[in-house]
Amino acid sequence: MRIAYWIPVILLTLLLAVIGLRYGIQRQGLTETDVITLYAQRYLADHAGSGRPAAAQVTDCFAHPGSGAWSWLVVTCRPKGGGAGEIYRYEVNVLGGLIGFSGPDTAGLPQPEA
């Protein structure tokens, strides 16, 4: 009879263990370099789609730590010779998902996925 009281606790513990294992496996191979490279390539696509005249390169991007509780990195990209109005900023969580985006003309660009 008393085992019936422990079944929900056991099931909840197993569920949390599976969720923790899943996120641990996802996070295990993800490095800062991988994230910066991914969002630098996305910057190239976003810049090409915006029709801006400056030439975009992967080396236009750098990253710094995020400021919020959920923010891991902020990848900032600006084309050489571009002004302050041409900055693309991607805020990334610890699993590599996009949680915030700002750019020169965000109307035609993809919205955050997270």
C-alpha atoms as a PDB file:
ATOM      1  CA  MET A   1       0.000   0.000   0.000  1.00  0.00           C
ATOM      2  CA  ARG A   2       2.737   2.480   0.840  1.00  0.00           C
ATOM      3  CA  ILE A   3       4.537   1.767  -2.437  1.00  0.00           C
ATOM      4  CA  ALA A   4       1.655   3.465  -4.246  1.00  0.00           C
ATOM      5  CA  TYR A   5       2.649   6.734  -2.604  1.00  0.00           C
ATOM      6  CA  TRP A   6       6.197   6.475  -3.969  1.00  0.00           C
ATOM      7  CA  ILE A   7       5.274   5.700  -7.599  1.00  0.00           C
ATOM      8  CA  PRO A   8       4.703   9.397  -8.572  1.00  0.00           C
ATOM      9  CA  VAL A   9       7.997  10.376  -6.931  1.00  0.00           C
ATOM     10  CA  ILE A  10       9.867   7.617  -8.775  1.00  0.00           C
ATOM     11  CA  LEU A  11       8.266   8.550 -12.106  1.00  0.00           C
ATOM     12  CA  LEU A  12       9.086  12.230 -11.635  1.00  0.00           C
ATOM     13  CA  THR A  13      12.688  11.365 -10.755  1.00  0.00           C
ATOM     14  CA  LEU A  14      13.031   9.200 -13.870  1.00  0.00           C
ATOM     15  CA  LEU A  15      11.523  11.922 -16.053  1.00  0.00           C
ATOM     16  CA  LEU A  16      13.921  14.549 -14.704  1.00  0.00           C
ATOM     17  CA  ALA A  17      16.854  12.170 -15.182  1.00  0.00           C
ATOM     18  CA  VAL A  18      15.916  11.597 -18.839  1.00  0.00           C
ATOM     19  CA  ILE A  19      15.523  15.341 -19.455  1.00  0.00           C
ATOM     20  CA  GLY A  20      18.873  16.064 -17.780  1.00  0.00           C
ATOM     21  CA  LEU A  21      20.604  13.349 -19.805  1.00  0.00           C
ATOM     22  CA  ARG A  22      19.104  14.644 -23.051  1.00  0.00           C
ATOM     23  CA  TYR A  23      20.242  18.233 -22.458  1.00  0.00           C
ATOM     24  CA  GLY A  24      23.616  17.052 -21.208  1.00  0.00           C
ATOM     25  CA  ILE A  25      24.220  15.117 -24.414  1.00  0.00           C
ATOM     26  CA  GLN A  26      23.144  18.109 -26.532  1.00  0.00           C
ATOM     27  CA  ARG A  27      25.396  20.474 -24.616  1.00  0.00           C
ATOM     28  CA  GLN A  28      28.395  18.152 -24.435  1.00  0.00           C
ATOM     29  CA  GLY A  29      29.813  18.786 -27.900  1.00  0.00           C
ATOM     30  CA  LEU A  30      28.852  22.442 -28.260  1.00  0.00           C
ATOM     31  CA  THR A  31      31.735  24.919 -28.031  1.00  0.00           C
ATOM     32  CA  GLU A  32      31.832  28.691 -28.238  1.00  0.00           C
ATOM     33  CA  THR A  33      33.673  28.411 -31.564  1.00  0.00           C
ATOM     34  CA  ASP A  34      30.854  26.282 -32.995  1.00  0.00           C
ATOM     35  CA  VAL A  35      28.255  28.850 -31.954  1.00  0.00           C
ATOM     36  CA  ILE A  36      30.241  31.819 -33.301  1.00  0.00           C
ATOM     37  CA  THR A  37      30.823  30.030 -36.615  1.00  0.00           C
ATOM     38  CA  LEU A  38      27.150  29.082 -36.924  1.00  0.00           C
ATOM     39  CA  TYR A  39      25.911  32.622 -36.321  1.00  0.00           C
ATOM     40  CA  ALA A  40      28.635  34.132 -38.515  1.00  0.00           C
ATOM     41  CA  GLN A  41      27.306  31.983 -41.358  1.00  0.00           C
ATOM     42  CA  ARG A  42      23.774  33.053 -40.510  1.00  0.00           C
ATOM     43  CA  TYR A  43      25.002  36.665 -40.581  1.00  0.00           C
ATOM     44  CA  LEU A  44      26.286  36.122 -44.131  1.00  0.00           C
ATOM     45  CA  ALA A  45      22.866  34.847 -45.182  1.00  0.00           C
ATOM     46  CA  ASP A  46      21.013  37.652 -43.374  1.00  0.00           C
ATOM     47  CA  HIS A  47      23.303  40.298 -44.854  1.00  0.00           C
ATOM     48  CA  ALA A  48      22.937  38.894 -48.358  1.00  0.00           C
ATOM     49  CA  GLY A  49      19.148  38.800 -47.946  1.00  0.00           C
ATOM     50  CA  SER A  50      19.009  42.409 -46.786  1.00  0.00           C
ATOM     51  CA  GLY A  51      20.572  43.734 -50.010  1.00  0.00           C
ATOM     52  CA  ARG A  52      23.036  46.011 -48.236  1.00  0.00           C
ATOM     53  CA  PRO A  53      25.987  47.142 -50.358  1.00  0.00           C
ATOM     54  CA  ALA A  54      28.889  46.362 -47.974  1.00  0.00           C
ATOM     55  CA  ALA A  55      30.627  42.996 -48.399  1.00  0.00           C
ATOM     56  CA  ALA A  56      30.044  40.666 -45.470  1.00  0.00           C
ATOM     57  CA  GLN A  57      32.675  38.201 -44.244  1.00  0.00           C
ATOM     58  CA  VAL A  58      32.769  35.635 -41.474  1.00  0.00           C
ATOM     59  CA  THR A  59      35.604  37.581 -39.842  1.00  0.00           C
ATOM     60  CA  ASP A  60      33.240  40.519 -39.220  1.00  0.00           C
ATOM     61  CA  CYS A  61      31.846  38.690 -36.174  1.00  0.00           C
ATOM     62  CA  PHE A  62      32.925  38.404 -32.556  1.00  0.00           C
ATOM     63  CA  ALA A  63      31.246  37.245 -29.358  1.00  0.00           C
ATOM     64  CA  HIS A  64      31.080  38.272 -25.740  1.00  0.00           C
ATOM     65  CA  PRO A  65      29.292  36.707 -22.744  1.00  0.00           C
ATOM     66  CA  GLY A  66      25.584  37.328 -22.417  1.00  0.00           C
ATOM     67  CA  SER A  67      24.227  39.437 -19.593  1.00  0.00           C
ATOM     68  CA  GLY A  68      20.998  37.657 -18.728  1.00  0.00           C
ATOM     69  CA  ALA A  69      20.342  34.434 -16.874  1.00  0.00           C
ATOM     70  CA  TRP A  70      19.438  32.567 -20.078  1.00  0.00           C
ATOM     71  CA  SER A  71      21.932  34.282 -22.368  1.00  0.00           C
ATOM     72  CA  TRP A  72      25.247  32.472 -22.930  1.00  0.00           C
ATOM     73  CA  LEU A  73      26.839  34.448 -25.777  1.00  0.00           C
ATOM     74  CA  VAL A  74      26.062  37.529 -27.816  1.00  0.00           C
ATOM     75  CA  VAL A  75      27.483  37.270 -31.333  1.00  0.00           C
ATOM     76  CA  THR A  76      27.897  40.710 -32.897  1.00  0.00           C
ATOM     77  CA  CYS A  77      28.650  41.204 -36.594  1.00  0.00           C
ATOM     78  CA  ARG A  78      29.345  44.414 -38.485  1.00  0.00           C
ATOM     79  CA  PRO A  79      30.624  44.644 -42.068  1.00  0.00           C
ATOM     80  CA  LYS A  80      33.909  46.453 -42.549  1.00  0.00           C
ATOM     81  CA  GLY A  81      33.199  50.043 -43.433  1.00  0.00           C
ATOM     82  CA  GLY A  82      29.645  49.704 -42.144  1.00  0.00           C
ATOM     83  CA  GLY A  83      28.239  52.225 -39.726  1.00  0.00           C
ATOM     84  CA  ALA A  84      26.640  51.691 -36.368  1.00  0.00           C
ATOM     85  CA  GLY A  85      23.292  51.126 -38.101  1.00  0.00           C
ATOM     86  CA  GLU A  86      24.535  47.966 -39.807  1.00  0.00           C
ATOM     87  CA  ILE A  87      25.197  45.875 -36.692  1.00  0.00           C
ATOM     88  CA  TYR A  88      23.705  42.393 -36.481  1.00  0.00           C
ATOM     89  CA  ARG A  89      23.430  41.003 -32.937  1.00  0.00           C
ATOM     90  CA  TYR A  90      22.468  37.407 -32.125  1.00  0.00           C
ATOM     91  CA  GLU A  91      21.804  36.437 -28.494  1.00  0.00           C
ATOM     92  CA  VAL A  92      22.337  32.709 -27.928  1.00  0.00           C
ATOM     93  CA  ASN A  93      21.395  30.362 -25.063  1.00  0.00           C
ATOM     94  CA  VAL A  94      23.559  27.532 -23.679  1.00  0.00           C
ATOM     95  CA  LEU A  95      22.127  25.015 -26.148  1.00  0.00           C
ATOM     96  CA  GLY A  96      22.986  27.221 -29.138  1.00  0.00           C
ATOM     97  CA  GLY A  97      19.440  28.435 -29.747  1.00  0.00           C
ATOM     98  CA  LEU A  98      18.699  31.976 -30.810  1.00  0.00           C
ATOM     99  CA  ILE A  99      16.859  33.889 -28.077  1.00  0.00           C
ATOM    100  CA  GLY A 100      17.252  37.436 -29.368  1.00  0.00           C
ATOM    101  CA  PHE A 101      18.092  39.172 -32.627  1.00  0.00           C
ATOM    102  CA  SER A 102      18.608  42.754 -33.640  1.00  0.00           C
ATOM    103  CA  GLY A 103      19.718  44.025 -36.999  1.00  0.00           C
ATOM    104  CA  PRO A 104      19.521  47.006 -39.310  1.00  0.00           C
ATOM    105  CA  ASP A 105      16.284  45.939 -40.975  1.00  0.00           C
ATOM    106  CA  THR A 106      14.731  43.151 -38.935  1.00  0.00           C
ATOM    107  CA  ALA A 107      11.436  43.123 -40.853  1.00  0.00           C
ATOM    108  CA  GLY A 108      12.601  40.720 -43.558  1.00  0.00           C
ATOM    109  CA  LEU A 109      14.875  38.572 -41.444  1.00  0.00           C
ATOM    110  CA  PRO A 110      13.996  35.365 -39.595  1.00  0.00           C
ATOM    111  CA  GLN A 111      12.742  35.696 -36.041  1.00  0.00           C
ATOM    112  CA  PRO A 112      14.237  33.865 -33.028  1.00  0.00           C
ATOM    113  CA  GLU A 113      13.774  30.107 -32.920  1.00  0.00           C
ATOM    114  CA  ALA A 114      13.777  29.587 -29.172  1.00  0.00           C
END
